[in-house]
Protein backbone atom coordinates (compact mmCIF):
# COMPACT_ATOMS: atom_id res chain seq x y z
CA UNK A 1 93.92 105.15 97.74
CA UNK A 2 93.31 108.10 95.24
CA UNK A 3 95.92 110.52 94.32
CA UNK A 4 95.52 113.51 92.20
CA UNK A 5 96.76 117.22 92.01
CA UNK A 6 93.05 118.34 91.71
CA UNK A 7 91.05 118.68 94.93
CA UNK A 8 87.79 118.71 93.13
CA UNK A 9 88.59 115.41 91.41
CA UNK A 10 89.70 113.87 94.55
CA UNK A 11 86.48 114.97 96.28
CA UNK A 12 84.15 113.80 93.51
CA UNK A 13 85.80 110.29 93.48
CA UNK A 14 86.04 110.01 97.21
CA UNK A 15 82.42 110.63 97.68
CA UNK A 16 81.46 108.32 94.93
CA UNK A 17 83.53 105.47 96.22
CA UNK A 18 82.42 105.98 99.86
CA UNK A 19 78.76 105.91 98.79
CA UNK A 20 79.46 102.50 97.42
CA UNK A 21 81.02 101.44 100.68
CA UNK A 22 84.58 101.67 100.12
CA UNK A 23 87.20 102.99 102.47
CA UNK A 24 89.10 105.68 100.71
CA UNK A 25 92.42 107.42 101.52
CA UNK A 26 93.31 110.60 99.35
CA UNK A 27 96.44 112.44 98.49
CA UNK A 28 96.96 115.77 96.67
CA UNK A 29 100.41 114.77 95.27
CA UNK A 30 102.45 111.71 94.62
CA UNK A 31 104.69 112.03 97.62
CA UNK A 32 101.71 112.09 100.02
CA UNK A 33 100.42 109.14 98.18
CA UNK A 34 103.39 107.04 98.68
CA UNK A 35 103.55 107.87 102.41
CA UNK A 36 99.92 106.63 102.70
CA UNK A 37 100.62 103.60 100.90
CA UNK A 38 103.73 102.83 102.96
CA UNK A 39 101.59 103.37 106.33
CA UNK A 40 98.41 101.62 105.36
CA UNK A 41 97.15 98.41 103.88
CA UNK A 42 95.97 99.38 100.42
CA UNK A 43 94.12 97.18 97.88
CA UNK A 44 94.20 99.43 94.80
CA UNK A 45 95.88 102.77 93.89
CA UNK A 46 94.39 105.26 91.53
CA UNK A 47 96.68 107.94 90.44
CA UNK A 48 96.39 111.18 88.47
CA UNK A 49 99.09 111.39 85.75
CA UNK A 50 99.82 114.97 86.42
CA UNK A 51 100.82 115.93 90.09
CA UNK A 52 103.07 118.02 91.87
CA UNK A 53 106.03 116.42 93.58
CA UNK A 54 105.88 113.13 91.75
CA UNK A 55 103.58 112.32 88.89
CA UNK A 56 101.61 109.19 88.25
CA UNK A 57 104.48 107.53 86.47
CA UNK A 58 107.01 108.24 89.07
CA UNK A 59 104.68 106.87 91.92
CA UNK A 60 104.09 103.78 89.73
CA UNK A 61 107.76 103.15 89.35
CA UNK A 62 108.32 103.41 93.16
CA UNK A 63 105.32 100.92 93.79
CA UNK A 64 106.63 98.57 91.15
CA UNK A 65 109.85 98.13 93.21
CA UNK A 66 108.22 98.29 96.82
CA UNK A 67 104.93 96.39 96.24
CA UNK A 68 104.86 94.86 92.60
CA UNK A 69 101.51 93.12 93.16
CA UNK A 70 99.58 96.24 94.14
CA UNK A 71 97.22 97.12 91.25
CA UNK A 72 97.67 100.56 89.95
CA UNK A 73 95.49 102.55 87.66
CA UNK A 74 96.62 106.10 86.13
CA UNK A 75 94.06 108.38 84.86
CA UNK A 76 94.47 111.71 83.22
CA UNK A 77 92.04 114.68 82.41
CA UNK A 78 94.04 116.03 79.70
CA UNK A 79 93.07 115.45 76.23
CA UNK A 80 95.56 114.81 73.41
CA UNK A 81 94.86 116.36 70.00
CA UNK A 82 96.19 114.53 66.97
CA UNK A 83 96.49 116.10 63.56
CA UNK A 84 97.23 114.43 60.34
CA UNK A 85 98.80 116.17 57.43
């Protein structure tokens, strides 16, 4: 299951995984993702860090309580800039 707030990102990753033979469920926010996970048998979850409703960290906390053995990967498209003084 892929969940990310960016529809274009979801589309790209969905197409890529499907072309490799994977069955993919997608969600544009964390709440929809949780609903899909509860309704379907999921092998792995890939979450965007920034999403409306529930972010990737919040979804992970729910999953740790409900399905602690389900693998979860969190990604982000945001860059962090570090400065040294």
